[in-house]
C-alpha atoms as a PDB file:
ATOM      1  CA  MET A   1      32.492  92.362  -7.914  1.00  0.00           C
ATOM      2  CA  GLY A   2      35.277  94.882  -7.674  1.00  0.00           C
ATOM      3  CA  ALA A   3      36.133  94.004  -4.097  1.00  0.00           C
ATOM      4  CA  GLN A   4      39.454  95.455  -3.055  1.00  0.00           C
ATOM      5  CA  HIS A   5      42.009  93.256  -1.371  1.00  0.00           C
ATOM      6  CA  GLY A   6      45.576  93.707  -0.170  1.00  0.00           C
ATOM      7  CA  PHE A   7      47.482  96.751  -1.326  1.00  0.00           C
ATOM      8  CA  SER A   8      45.925 100.123  -2.044  1.00  0.00           C
ATOM      9  CA  PHE A   9      44.685 100.419  -5.611  1.00  0.00           C
ATOM     10  CA  SER A  10      44.025 104.161  -5.503  1.00  0.00           C
ATOM     11  CA  GLU A  11      47.065 105.194  -7.548  1.00  0.00           C
ATOM     12  CA  PHE A  12      46.174 102.679 -10.264  1.00  0.00           C
ATOM     13  CA  SER A  13      42.646 104.104 -10.443  1.00  0.00           C
ATOM     14  CA  GLN A  14      43.667 107.753 -10.237  1.00  0.00           C
ATOM     15  CA  VAL A  15      46.008 107.556 -13.210  1.00  0.00           C
ATOM     16  CA  GLY A  16      43.092 106.251 -15.245  1.00  0.00           C
ATOM     17  CA  PHE A  17      44.335 102.764 -15.998  1.00  0.00           C
ATOM     18  CA  VAL A  18      41.491 100.853 -14.432  1.00  0.00           C
ATOM     19  CA  SER A  19      37.745 101.061 -14.068  1.00  0.00           C
ATOM     20  CA  ASP A  20      35.833  99.997 -10.971  1.00  0.00           C
ATOM     21  CA  ALA A  21      32.936  98.562 -12.946  1.00  0.00           C
ATOM     22  CA  VAL A  22      32.400  96.048 -15.719  1.00  0.00           C
ATOM     23  CA  ARG A  23      31.086  97.837 -18.786  1.00  0.00           C
ATOM     24  CA  PRO A  24      27.527  96.673 -19.495  1.00  0.00           C
ATOM     25  CA  ASP A  25      28.095  96.807 -23.261  1.00  0.00           C
ATOM     26  CA  GLY A  26      30.926  94.305 -22.950  1.00  0.00           C
ATOM     27  CA  ARG A  27      33.392  96.609 -24.731  1.00  0.00           C
ATOM     28  CA  GLY A  28      36.927  96.977 -23.509  1.00  0.00           C
ATOM     29  CA  GLY A  29      37.648 100.105 -21.509  1.00  0.00           C
ATOM     30  CA  ALA A  30      40.583 100.956 -23.756  1.00  0.00           C
ATOM     31  CA  ALA A  31      38.663 100.609 -27.015  1.00  0.00           C
ATOM     32  CA  GLY A  32      39.974 102.921 -29.708  1.00  0.00           C
ATOM     33  CA  ALA A  33      43.174 103.750 -27.833  1.00  0.00           C
ATOM     34  CA  ARG A  34      46.455 103.576 -29.713  1.00  0.00           C
ATOM     35  CA  ILE A  35      49.450 101.605 -28.498  1.00  0.00           C
ATOM     36  CA  GLU A  36      52.688 103.566 -28.320  1.00  0.00           C
ATOM     37  CA  GLU A  37      55.786 101.438 -27.919  1.00  0.00           C
ATOM     38  CA  GLY A  38      57.584 101.999 -24.647  1.00  0.00           C
ATOM     39  CA  SER A  39      54.641 103.777 -23.035  1.00  0.00           C
ATOM     40  CA  LEU A  40      52.684 100.768 -21.823  1.00  0.00           C
ATOM     41  CA  MET A  41      52.203  99.988 -18.165  1.00  0.00           C
ATOM     42  CA  GLU A  42      52.900  96.364 -17.259  1.00  0.00           C
ATOM     43  CA  VAL A  43      49.962  94.625 -15.584  1.00  0.00           C
ATOM     44  CA  THR A  44      49.558  91.062 -14.365  1.00  0.00           C
ATOM     45  CA  LEU A  45      46.144  89.425 -14.600  1.00  0.00           C
ATOM     46  CA  TYR A  46      45.258  86.215 -12.753  1.00  0.00           C
ATOM     47  CA  SER A  47      41.879  84.592 -13.352  1.00  0.00           C
ATOM     48  CA  ASP A  48      39.957  81.422 -12.674  1.00  0.00           C
ATOM     49  CA  GLY A  49      36.469  80.108 -13.304  1.00  0.00           C
ATOM     50  CA  SER A  50      34.291  77.583 -11.529  1.00  0.00           C
ATOM     51  CA  SER A  51      30.950  75.871 -11.966  1.00  0.00           C
ATOM     52  CA  ARG A  52      29.029  73.501  -9.727  1.00  0.00           C
ATOM     53  CA  GLY A  53      27.951  71.076 -12.373  1.00  0.00           C
ATOM     54  CA  ASN A  54      28.631  71.717 -16.036  1.00  0.00           C
ATOM     55  CA  PRO A  55      26.271  73.415 -16.594  1.00  0.00           C
ATOM     56  CA  GLY A  56      25.339  74.687 -13.158  1.00  0.00           C
ATOM     57  CA  PRO A  57      25.858  77.647 -10.842  1.00  0.00           C
ATOM     58  CA  GLY A  58      29.202  79.269 -11.587  1.00  0.00           C
ATOM     59  CA  GLY A  59      31.514  82.174 -10.941  1.00  0.00           C
ATOM     60  CA  TYR A  60      34.831  83.747 -11.801  1.00  0.00           C
ATOM     61  CA  GLY A  61      37.609  85.355  -9.787  1.00  0.00           C
ATOM     62  CA  THR A  62      40.146  87.817 -11.161  1.00  0.00           C
ATOM     63  CA  ILE A  63      43.125  89.725  -9.770  1.00  0.00           C
ATOM     64  CA  LEU A  64      44.749  92.707 -11.486  1.00  0.00           C
ATOM     65  CA  ARG A  65      48.174  93.697 -10.189  1.00  0.00           C
ATOM     66  CA  TYR A  66      50.467  96.583 -11.047  1.00  0.00           C
ATOM     67  CA  LYS A  67      53.872  97.458  -9.585  1.00  0.00           C
ATOM     68  CA  ALA A  68      54.473 101.210  -9.681  1.00  0.00           C
ATOM     69  CA  PRO A  69      57.895 102.713 -10.404  1.00  0.00           C
ATOM     70  CA  SER A  70      57.993 103.625  -6.704  1.00  0.00           C
ATOM     71  CA  GLY A  71      57.895  99.917  -5.894  1.00  0.00           C
ATOM     72  CA  ALA A  72      54.384 100.053  -4.458  1.00  0.00           C
ATOM     73  CA  VAL A  73      52.153  97.160  -5.530  1.00  0.00           C
ATOM     74  CA  HIS A  74      48.534  97.908  -6.417  1.00  0.00           C
ATOM     75  CA  GLU A  75      45.963  95.153  -6.669  1.00  0.00           C
ATOM     76  CA  LYS A  76      42.262  94.824  -7.407  1.00  0.00           C
ATOM     77  CA  GLU A  77      39.948  91.835  -7.288  1.00  0.00           C
ATOM     78  CA  PHE A  78      36.786  91.076  -9.259  1.00  0.00           C
ATOM     79  CA  SER A  79      34.278  88.262  -8.872  1.00  0.00           C
ATOM     80  CA  GLU A  80      30.739  87.530  -9.959  1.00  0.00           C
ATOM     81  CA  GLY A  81      28.341  84.583  -9.809  1.00  0.00           C
ATOM     82  CA  PHE A  82      25.792  83.206 -12.272  1.00  0.00           C
ATOM     83  CA  SER A  83      22.820  80.907 -11.802  1.00  0.00           C
ATOM     84  CA  CYS A  84      23.529  78.593 -14.739  1.00  0.00           C
ATOM     85  CA  THR A  85      26.682  78.524 -16.813  1.00  0.00           C
ATOM     86  CA  THR A  86      29.730  76.365 -17.589  1.00  0.00           C
ATOM     87  CA  ASN A  87      33.274  76.223 -16.312  1.00  0.00           C
ATOM     88  CA  ASN A  88      34.706  77.276 -19.667  1.00  0.00           C
ATOM     89  CA  ARG A  89      32.469  80.334 -19.844  1.00  0.00           C
ATOM     90  CA  MET A  90      33.603  81.416 -16.402  1.00  0.00           C
ATOM     91  CA  GLU A  91      37.256  80.904 -17.348  1.00  0.00           C
ATOM     92  CA  LEU A  92      36.754  83.209 -20.313  1.00  0.00           C
ATOM     93  CA  LEU A  93      34.731  85.784 -18.417  1.00  0.00           C
ATOM     94  CA  GLY A  94      37.324  86.088 -15.663  1.00  0.00           C
ATOM     95  CA  CYS A  95      39.917  87.120 -18.226  1.00  0.00           C
ATOM     96  CA  ILE A  96      37.493  89.385 -20.081  1.00  0.00           C
ATOM     97  CA  VAL A  97      36.514  91.341 -16.975  1.00  0.00           C
ATOM     98  CA  GLY A  98      40.135  91.989 -16.060  1.00  0.00           C
ATOM     99  CA  LEU A  99      41.000  93.258 -19.530  1.00  0.00           C
ATOM    100  CA  GLU A 100      37.842  95.374 -19.785  1.00  0.00           C
ATOM    101  CA  ALA A 101      38.720  97.111 -16.519  1.00  0.00           C
ATOM    102  CA  LEU A 102      41.875  98.579 -18.094  1.00  0.00           C
ATOM    103  CA  ARG A 103      41.214 102.050 -19.445  1.00  0.00           C
ATOM    104  CA  ARG A 104      44.480 102.496 -21.342  1.00  0.00           C
ATOM    105  CA  PRO A 105      46.626 100.175 -23.444  1.00  0.00           C
ATOM    106  CA  CYS A 106      48.856  98.001 -21.250  1.00  0.00           C
ATOM    107  CA  THR A 107      51.256  95.110 -21.512  1.00  0.00           C
ATOM    108  CA  VAL A 108      49.330  92.324 -19.806  1.00  0.00           C
ATOM    109  CA  THR A 109      50.487  88.880 -18.706  1.00  0.00           C
ATOM    110  CA  VAL A 110      47.501  86.597 -18.104  1.00  0.00           C
ATOM    111  CA  TYR A 111      47.947  83.604 -15.807  1.00  0.00           C
ATOM    112  CA  SER A 112      45.227  80.961 -15.977  1.00  0.00           C
ATOM    113  CA  ASP A 113      44.864  77.246 -15.247  1.00  0.00           C
ATOM    114  CA  SER A 114      42.498  76.949 -18.219  1.00  0.00           C
ATOM    115  CA  GLN A 115      44.135  75.262 -21.200  1.00  0.00           C
ATOM    116  CA  TYR A 116      40.939  76.120 -23.086  1.00  0.00           C
ATOM    117  CA  LEU A 117      41.756  79.821 -22.690  1.00  0.00           C
ATOM    118  CA  VAL A 118      45.539  79.718 -22.952  1.00  0.00           C
ATOM    119  CA  ASN A 119      45.819  77.288 -25.879  1.00  0.00           C
ATOM    120  CA  ALA A 120      43.250  79.197 -27.907  1.00  0.00           C
ATOM    121  CA  PHE A 121      45.887  81.903 -28.309  1.00  0.00           C
ATOM    122  CA  ASN A 122      49.187  80.081 -27.823  1.00  0.00           C
ATOM    123  CA  GLN A 123      48.217  77.335 -30.272  1.00  0.00           C
ATOM    124  CA  ASN A 124      46.448  79.729 -32.649  1.00  0.00           C
ATOM    125  CA  TRP A 125      43.010  78.160 -32.369  1.00  0.00           C
ATOM    126  CA  VAL A 126      41.417  81.594 -32.562  1.00  0.00           C
ATOM    127  CA  ALA A 127      43.125  82.383 -35.857  1.00  0.00           C
ATOM    128  CA  GLY A 128      41.661  79.225 -37.350  1.00  0.00           C
ATOM    129  CA  TRP A 129      38.194  80.015 -36.045  1.00  0.00           C
ATOM    130  CA  LEU A 130      38.331  83.449 -37.604  1.00  0.00           C
ATOM    131  CA  LYS A 131      39.467  82.073 -40.970  1.00  0.00           C
ATOM    132  CA  ARG A 132      36.603  79.590 -40.954  1.00  0.00           C
ATOM    133  CA  GLY A 133      33.975  82.131 -39.898  1.00  0.00           C
ATOM    134  CA  TRP A 134      33.735  80.967 -36.275  1.00  0.00           C
ATOM    135  CA  LYS A 135      33.720  77.278 -37.183  1.00  0.00           C
ATOM    136  CA  ASN A 136      36.089  74.782 -35.585  1.00  0.00           C
ATOM    137  CA  ALA A 137      38.276  72.252 -37.397  1.00  0.00           C
ATOM    138  CA  GLN A 138      35.270  69.923 -37.588  1.00  0.00           C
ATOM    139  CA  LYS A 139      33.329  72.733 -39.283  1.00  0.00           C
ATOM    140  CA  GLN A 140      31.002  73.019 -36.280  1.00  0.00           C
ATOM    141  CA  PRO A 141      30.102  76.376 -34.686  1.00  0.00           C
ATOM    142  CA  VAL A 142      32.646  77.421 -32.069  1.00  0.00           C
ATOM    143  CA  LYS A 143      31.232  77.111 -28.559  1.00  0.00           C
ATOM    144  CA  ASN A 144      31.025  80.288 -26.480  1.00  0.00           C
ATOM    145  CA  ALA A 145      31.586  82.451 -29.556  1.00  0.00           C
ATOM    146  CA  ASP A 146      29.883  85.388 -27.812  1.00  0.00           C
ATOM    147  CA  LEU A 147      32.576  85.419 -25.131  1.00  0.00           C
ATOM    148  CA  TRP A 148      35.454  84.737 -27.517  1.00  0.00           C
ATOM    149  CA  LYS A 149      34.388  87.761 -29.576  1.00  0.00           C
ATOM    150  CA  ARG A 150      34.113  89.860 -26.445  1.00  0.00           C
ATOM    151  CA  LEU A 151      37.551  88.670 -25.328  1.00  0.00           C
ATOM    152  CA  LEU A 152      39.120  89.606 -28.659  1.00  0.00           C
ATOM    153  CA  ALA A 153      37.618  93.090 -28.391  1.00  0.00           C
ATOM    154  CA  ALA A 154      38.859  93.486 -24.813  1.00  0.00           C
ATOM    155  CA  LYS A 155      42.319  92.209 -25.764  1.00  0.00           C
ATOM    156  CA  GLU A 156      42.745  94.333 -28.879  1.00  0.00           C
ATOM    157  CA  PRO A 157      44.139  97.554 -27.311  1.00  0.00           C
ATOM    158  CA  HIS A 158      46.740  95.668 -25.264  1.00  0.00           C
ATOM    159  CA  VAL A 159      49.841  93.548 -25.729  1.00  0.00           C
ATOM    160  CA  VAL A 160      48.740  90.294 -24.080  1.00  0.00           C
ATOM    161  CA  THR A 161      50.689  87.149 -23.224  1.00  0.00           C
ATOM    162  CA  PHE A 162      48.954  84.021 -21.921  1.00  0.00           C
ATOM    163  CA  VAL A 163      50.663  81.707 -19.425  1.00  0.00           C
ATOM    164  CA  TRP A 164      49.234  78.400 -18.209  1.00  0.00           C
ATOM    165  CA  VAL A 165      49.609  77.474 -14.537  1.00  0.00           C
ATOM    166  CA  LYS A 166      48.633  74.175 -12.968  1.00  0.00           C
ATOM    167  CA  GLY A 167      45.486  74.499 -10.887  1.00  0.00           C
ATOM    168  CA  HIS A 168      45.319  73.501  -7.233  1.00  0.00           C
ATOM    169  CA  ALA A 169      49.103  73.263  -7.077  1.00  0.00           C
ATOM    170  CA  GLY A 170      49.889  75.938  -4.513  1.00  0.00           C
ATOM    171  CA  HIS A 171      50.070  78.925  -6.876  1.00  0.00           C
ATOM    172  CA  ALA A 172      48.962  81.662  -4.474  1.00  0.00           C
ATOM    173  CA  GLU A 173      47.153  83.912  -6.930  1.00  0.00           C
ATOM    174  CA  ASN A 174      45.494  81.018  -8.723  1.00  0.00           C
ATOM    175  CA  GLU A 175      44.292  79.670  -5.383  1.00  0.00           C
ATOM    176  CA  ARG A 176      42.904  83.092  -4.479  1.00  0.00           C
ATOM    177  CA  CYS A 177      41.087  83.382  -7.812  1.00  0.00           C
ATOM    178  CA  ASP A 178      39.678  79.889  -7.299  1.00  0.00           C
ATOM    179  CA  ALA A 179      38.416  80.915  -3.864  1.00  0.00           C
ATOM    180  CA  LEU A 180      36.737  84.006  -5.322  1.00  0.00           C
ATOM    181  CA  ALA A 181      35.183  81.985  -8.145  1.00  0.00           C
ATOM    182  CA  THR A 182      33.830  79.197  -5.952  1.00  0.00           C
ATOM    183  CA  ALA A 183      32.496  81.641  -3.360  1.00  0.00           C
ATOM    184  CA  ALA A 184      30.586  83.450  -6.106  1.00  0.00           C
ATOM    185  CA  ALA A 185      29.303  80.162  -7.522  1.00  0.00           C
ATOM    186  CA  ASP A 186      28.094  79.104  -4.076  1.00  0.00           C
ATOM    187  CA  ASN A 187      26.231  82.320  -3.281  1.00  0.00           C
ATOM    188  CA  PRO A 188      22.790  82.235  -4.960  1.00  0.00           C
ATOM    189  CA  ALA A 189      21.947  85.643  -3.514  1.00  0.00           C
ATOM    190  CA  CYS A 190      24.473  87.299  -5.846  1.00  0.00           C
ATOM    191  CA  HIS A 191      23.773  85.228  -8.947  1.00  0.00           C
ATOM    192  CA  LYS A 192      23.044  86.848 -12.288  1.00  0.00           C
ATOM    193  CA  GLU A 193      21.803  85.249 -15.483  1.00  0.00           C
ATOM    194  CA  ASP A 194      24.474  84.287 -18.018  1.00  0.00           C
ATOM    195  CA  ALA A 195      22.549  85.738 -20.933  1.00  0.00           C
ATOM    196  CA  GLY A 196      24.818  84.206 -23.565  1.00  0.00           C
ATOM    197  CA  PHE A 197      24.644  80.664 -22.240  1.00  0.00           C
ATOM    198  CA  LYS A 198      22.677  78.266 -24.404  1.00  0.00           C
ATOM    199  CA  GLY A 199      22.219  75.113 -22.339  1.00  0.00           C
END
């Protein structure tokens, strides 16, 4: 997790916009910060999740990218593996980790091949879940509610747009995130327990 790849990320870290570590309490790094229009740094977040079996061993891969006014591009990668989880949980967690790493409010564009993640916001599923007290349209408990709640908390300080990309279609960053996610899923030595997973 937190492996650095490509361009130097030092400037991004030094100005206080990103954290090297995932917060153990699951709270967004920018919690409590106020958004001031025109002052937000624009960040791109790419993420992907994978599981070998559903449920089974899984992992996520995430890339954060920022282009400085100087034109320099700064990038940071995150990945982590779990012993037993689901693909959807890893899709969510990849996005969560990227947002939680941001220490100040930002304008964030999230690219994901997960319609589960993207449509939840673009088709207002989340709004319906909240109105129904975390029940879906069939009045059943929403799956992965622990991660959806964590994602909403991580998203709150930022202005976030979700964009769906087709998986395994040559999108360079999506392919890289997939490689990070599958490598983490396939490495039992690094696996953690997905404490929120109820198999």
